[in-house]
Amino acid sequence: MIDLSAEQRHMIKLIDDYAAKFPLSEVGDEQLLSTCYDYMGAFKRILDSTSKRQMDYICQQYDGFYRFAKLMEMLAQGLADEVIEVPKDH
């Protein structure tokens, strides 16, 4: 078992449960992405406070968390590649 704090486990479970509410489809991914803002802070805290080994373990154990992480990765890549435009007021 990978050592995670109670706070980390709580945030992981929140993200996992949230992502699991949406159907595993393109429409579900769109719904998840359009409503994920409230969970991004917790996700960032998990990223900043875990090692690669811990993150690999989390993603293996929590399918919803893994799905959320992959969507965040795709979003970040789209922004970096300028495929996704950020509105000028942001």
N, C-alpha and C. Protein backbone atom coordinates (compact mmCIF):
# COMPACT_ATOMS: atom_id res chain seq x y z
N MET A 1 0.85 -1.19 0.00
CA MET A 1 0.00 0.00 0.00
C MET A 1 0.89 1.24 0.00
N ILE A 2 0.54 2.18 -0.80
CA ILE A 2 1.26 3.45 -0.88
C ILE A 2 0.78 4.35 0.25
N ASP A 3 1.70 5.03 0.90
CA ASP A 3 1.37 5.90 2.02
C ASP A 3 0.76 7.20 1.52
N LEU A 4 -0.52 7.40 1.82
CA LEU A 4 -1.23 8.63 1.49
C LEU A 4 -1.87 9.16 2.76
N SER A 5 -1.91 10.47 2.90
CA SER A 5 -2.53 11.07 4.08
C SER A 5 -4.05 10.93 3.98
N ALA A 6 -4.71 11.13 5.10
CA ALA A 6 -6.17 11.09 5.13
C ALA A 6 -6.75 12.16 4.22
N GLU A 7 -6.14 13.33 4.19
CA GLU A 7 -6.62 14.41 3.32
C GLU A 7 -6.47 14.03 1.85
N GLN A 8 -5.33 13.44 1.49
CA GLN A 8 -5.14 13.01 0.10
C GLN A 8 -6.18 11.96 -0.28
N ARG A 9 -6.38 10.97 0.58
CA ARG A 9 -7.36 9.92 0.29
C ARG A 9 -8.76 10.51 0.14
N HIS A 10 -9.08 11.49 0.96
CA HIS A 10 -10.39 12.14 0.89
C HIS A 10 -10.56 12.85 -0.46
N MET A 11 -9.56 13.62 -0.87
CA MET A 11 -9.64 14.35 -2.14
C MET A 11 -9.70 13.38 -3.33
N ILE A 12 -8.92 12.32 -3.26
CA ILE A 12 -8.91 11.31 -4.32
C ILE A 12 -10.30 10.70 -4.45
N LYS A 13 -10.90 10.35 -3.33
CA LYS A 13 -12.23 9.74 -3.33
C LYS A 13 -13.28 10.71 -3.87
N LEU A 14 -13.18 12.00 -3.52
CA LEU A 14 -14.12 13.00 -4.03
C LEU A 14 -14.06 13.07 -5.56
N ILE A 15 -12.84 13.14 -6.08
CA ILE A 15 -12.65 13.23 -7.53
C ILE A 15 -13.11 11.94 -8.20
N ASP A 16 -12.76 10.81 -7.62
CA ASP A 16 -13.14 9.52 -8.16
C ASP A 16 -14.66 9.37 -8.22
N ASP A 17 -15.34 9.68 -7.15
CA ASP A 17 -16.81 9.58 -7.10
C ASP A 17 -17.45 10.55 -8.08
N TYR A 18 -16.92 11.75 -8.17
CA TYR A 18 -17.46 12.76 -9.09
C TYR A 18 -17.36 12.27 -10.54
N ALA A 19 -16.17 11.84 -10.95
CA ALA A 19 -15.96 11.42 -12.33
C ALA A 19 -16.77 10.18 -12.68
N ALA A 20 -16.99 9.32 -11.70
CA ALA A 20 -17.73 8.08 -11.94
C ALA A 20 -19.22 8.33 -12.20
N LYS A 21 -19.71 9.52 -11.91
CA LYS A 21 -21.13 9.84 -12.12
C LYS A 21 -21.48 9.99 -13.60
N PHE A 22 -20.49 10.21 -14.43
CA PHE A 22 -20.74 10.50 -15.83
C PHE A 22 -20.55 9.24 -16.67
N PRO A 23 -21.39 9.07 -17.70
CA PRO A 23 -21.26 7.87 -18.54
C PRO A 23 -19.90 7.82 -19.24
N LEU A 24 -19.42 6.61 -19.46
CA LEU A 24 -18.16 6.40 -20.15
C LEU A 24 -18.41 6.51 -21.66
N SER A 25 -18.53 7.74 -22.09
CA SER A 25 -18.80 8.03 -23.49
C SER A 25 -18.28 9.42 -23.80
N GLU A 26 -18.31 9.78 -25.06
CA GLU A 26 -17.88 11.11 -25.45
C GLU A 26 -18.77 12.18 -24.80
N VAL A 27 -20.06 11.91 -24.74
CA VAL A 27 -21.00 12.84 -24.10
C VAL A 27 -20.69 12.95 -22.61
N GLY A 28 -20.40 11.82 -21.97
CA GLY A 28 -20.04 11.83 -20.56
C GLY A 28 -18.77 12.61 -20.31
N ASP A 29 -17.79 12.46 -21.19
CA ASP A 29 -16.54 13.22 -21.07
C ASP A 29 -16.80 14.72 -21.20
N GLU A 30 -17.67 15.09 -22.14
CA GLU A 30 -18.02 16.50 -22.30
C GLU A 30 -18.71 17.05 -21.06
N GLN A 31 -19.62 16.27 -20.49
CA GLN A 31 -20.31 16.68 -19.27
C GLN A 31 -19.32 16.83 -18.13
N LEU A 32 -18.43 15.89 -18.01
CA LEU A 32 -17.40 15.94 -16.96
C LEU A 32 -16.52 17.18 -17.13
N LEU A 33 -16.05 17.42 -18.32
CA LEU A 33 -15.18 18.58 -18.57
C LEU A 33 -15.90 19.90 -18.34
N SER A 34 -17.17 19.95 -18.68
CA SER A 34 -17.89 21.22 -18.54
C SER A 34 -18.26 21.54 -17.10
N THR A 35 -18.11 20.59 -16.20
CA THR A 35 -18.49 20.81 -14.80
C THR A 35 -17.36 20.52 -13.81
N CYS A 36 -16.14 20.37 -14.28
CA CYS A 36 -15.03 19.89 -13.44
C CYS A 36 -14.33 20.98 -12.62
N TYR A 37 -14.65 22.23 -12.85
CA TYR A 37 -13.90 23.33 -12.24
C TYR A 37 -13.76 23.19 -10.73
N ASP A 38 -14.83 22.82 -10.04
CA ASP A 38 -14.79 22.73 -8.58
C ASP A 38 -13.85 21.65 -8.06
N TYR A 39 -13.42 20.76 -8.91
CA TYR A 39 -12.55 19.66 -8.49
C TYR A 39 -11.09 19.87 -8.91
N MET A 40 -10.84 20.90 -9.69
CA MET A 40 -9.49 21.12 -10.20
C MET A 40 -8.49 21.51 -9.10
N GLY A 41 -8.93 22.24 -8.11
CA GLY A 41 -8.04 22.61 -7.01
C GLY A 41 -7.57 21.39 -6.23
N ALA A 42 -8.50 20.50 -5.93
CA ALA A 42 -8.15 19.26 -5.21
C ALA A 42 -7.23 18.41 -6.07
N PHE A 43 -7.50 18.35 -7.36
CA PHE A 43 -6.65 17.58 -8.26
C PHE A 43 -5.23 18.14 -8.27
N LYS A 44 -5.11 19.45 -8.34
CA LYS A 44 -3.78 20.09 -8.32
C LYS A 44 -3.05 19.79 -7.02
N ARG A 45 -3.76 19.83 -5.90
CA ARG A 45 -3.12 19.51 -4.62
C ARG A 45 -2.61 18.07 -4.60
N ILE A 46 -3.37 17.16 -5.19
CA ILE A 46 -2.91 15.77 -5.26
C ILE A 46 -1.67 15.68 -6.15
N LEU A 47 -1.70 16.33 -7.29
CA LEU A 47 -0.53 16.32 -8.18
C LEU A 47 0.72 16.85 -7.48
N ASP A 48 0.54 17.95 -6.75
CA ASP A 48 1.68 18.59 -6.10
C ASP A 48 2.20 17.84 -4.87
N SER A 49 1.39 16.95 -4.32
CA SER A 49 1.78 16.32 -3.05
C SER A 49 2.06 14.82 -3.17
N THR A 50 2.10 14.31 -4.39
CA THR A 50 2.37 12.88 -4.56
C THR A 50 3.54 12.66 -5.51
N SER A 51 4.16 11.52 -5.33
CA SER A 51 5.25 11.12 -6.22
C SER A 51 4.65 10.43 -7.45
N LYS A 52 5.48 10.18 -8.45
CA LYS A 52 5.03 9.46 -9.64
C LYS A 52 4.52 8.08 -9.25
N ARG A 53 5.23 7.43 -8.36
CA ARG A 53 4.82 6.09 -7.91
C ARG A 53 3.45 6.13 -7.23
N GLN A 54 3.24 7.14 -6.38
CA GLN A 54 1.95 7.28 -5.72
C GLN A 54 0.84 7.56 -6.74
N MET A 55 1.12 8.44 -7.70
CA MET A 55 0.13 8.78 -8.71
C MET A 55 -0.21 7.56 -9.56
N ASP A 56 0.79 6.76 -9.92
CA ASP A 56 0.54 5.52 -10.67
C ASP A 56 -0.39 4.60 -9.87
N TYR A 57 -0.12 4.46 -8.58
CA TYR A 57 -0.96 3.63 -7.71
C TYR A 57 -2.39 4.16 -7.66
N ILE A 58 -2.53 5.46 -7.46
CA ILE A 58 -3.86 6.08 -7.37
C ILE A 58 -4.64 5.81 -8.66
N CYS A 59 -4.00 6.02 -9.79
CA CYS A 59 -4.67 5.84 -11.08
C CYS A 59 -5.04 4.37 -11.33
N GLN A 60 -4.26 3.44 -10.80
CA GLN A 60 -4.59 2.03 -10.93
C GLN A 60 -5.76 1.64 -10.04
N GLN A 61 -5.87 2.28 -8.89
CA GLN A 61 -6.89 1.92 -7.92
C GLN A 61 -8.23 2.64 -8.11
N TYR A 62 -8.21 3.80 -8.72
CA TYR A 62 -9.40 4.65 -8.82
C TYR A 62 -9.66 5.01 -10.28
N ASP A 63 -10.56 4.28 -10.91
CA ASP A 63 -10.85 4.49 -12.33
C ASP A 63 -11.37 5.90 -12.61
N GLY A 64 -12.23 6.43 -11.74
CA GLY A 64 -12.76 7.78 -11.95
C GLY A 64 -11.67 8.83 -11.85
N PHE A 65 -10.78 8.66 -10.88
CA PHE A 65 -9.67 9.60 -10.73
C PHE A 65 -8.78 9.54 -11.97
N TYR A 66 -8.51 8.34 -12.46
CA TYR A 66 -7.69 8.18 -13.67
C TYR A 66 -8.35 8.88 -14.86
N ARG A 67 -9.65 8.69 -14.99
CA ARG A 67 -10.38 9.34 -16.09
C ARG A 67 -10.25 10.86 -15.99
N PHE A 68 -10.44 11.39 -14.78
CA PHE A 68 -10.32 12.83 -14.55
C PHE A 68 -8.91 13.29 -14.92
N ALA A 69 -7.90 12.54 -14.48
CA ALA A 69 -6.51 12.90 -14.76
C ALA A 69 -6.22 12.91 -16.26
N LYS A 70 -6.72 11.91 -16.98
CA LYS A 70 -6.50 11.85 -18.43
C LYS A 70 -7.18 13.03 -19.13
N LEU A 71 -8.38 13.39 -18.69
CA LEU A 71 -9.06 14.53 -19.30
C LEU A 71 -8.32 15.83 -19.00
N MET A 72 -7.78 15.97 -17.79
CA MET A 72 -7.00 17.16 -17.45
C MET A 72 -5.73 17.22 -18.29
N GLU A 73 -5.12 16.06 -18.51
CA GLU A 73 -3.92 16.00 -19.35
C GLU A 73 -4.25 16.42 -20.78
N MET A 74 -5.35 15.92 -21.31
CA MET A 74 -5.76 16.29 -22.67
C MET A 74 -6.09 17.77 -22.76
N LEU A 75 -6.74 18.31 -21.75
CA LEU A 75 -7.06 19.73 -21.71
C LEU A 75 -5.79 20.56 -21.69
N ALA A 76 -4.84 20.20 -20.84
CA ALA A 76 -3.58 20.93 -20.75
C ALA A 76 -2.81 20.87 -22.07
N GLN A 77 -2.81 19.71 -22.71
CA GLN A 77 -2.12 19.57 -23.99
C GLN A 77 -2.79 20.43 -25.06
N GLY A 78 -4.11 20.45 -25.06
CA GLY A 78 -4.84 21.27 -26.02
C GLY A 78 -4.56 22.75 -25.84
N LEU A 79 -4.44 23.18 -24.59
CA LEU A 79 -4.10 24.57 -24.32
C LEU A 79 -2.67 24.87 -24.75
N ALA A 80 -1.75 23.96 -24.43
CA ALA A 80 -0.34 24.16 -24.79
C ALA A 80 -0.15 24.19 -26.31
N ASP A 81 -0.89 23.36 -27.01
CA ASP A 81 -0.79 23.30 -28.47
C ASP A 81 -1.63 24.38 -29.15
N GLU A 82 -2.31 25.17 -28.36
CA GLU A 82 -3.20 26.24 -28.83
C GLU A 82 -4.33 25.71 -29.71
N VAL A 83 -4.71 24.46 -29.49
CA VAL A 83 -5.87 23.88 -30.14
C VAL A 83 -7.13 24.38 -29.45
N ILE A 84 -7.00 24.60 -28.15
CA ILE A 84 -8.08 25.18 -27.34
C ILE A 84 -7.72 26.62 -27.06
N GLU A 85 -8.61 27.52 -27.39
CA GLU A 85 -8.36 28.94 -27.17
C GLU A 85 -8.86 29.36 -25.80
N VAL A 86 -8.06 30.14 -25.11
CA VAL A 86 -8.46 30.73 -23.84
C VAL A 86 -9.06 32.09 -24.13
N PRO A 87 -10.27 32.35 -23.61
CA PRO A 87 -10.86 33.68 -23.85
C PRO A 87 -9.93 34.78 -23.35
N LYS A 88 -9.89 35.89 -24.05
CA LYS A 88 -8.98 36.98 -23.72
C LYS A 88 -9.19 37.57 -22.32
N ASP A 89 -10.41 37.44 -21.77
CA ASP A 89 -10.67 37.98 -20.45
C ASP A 89 -10.18 37.07 -19.33
N HIS A 90 -9.48 35.99 -19.66
CA HIS A 90 -8.93 35.09 -18.65
C HIS A 90 -7.48 35.13 -18.70
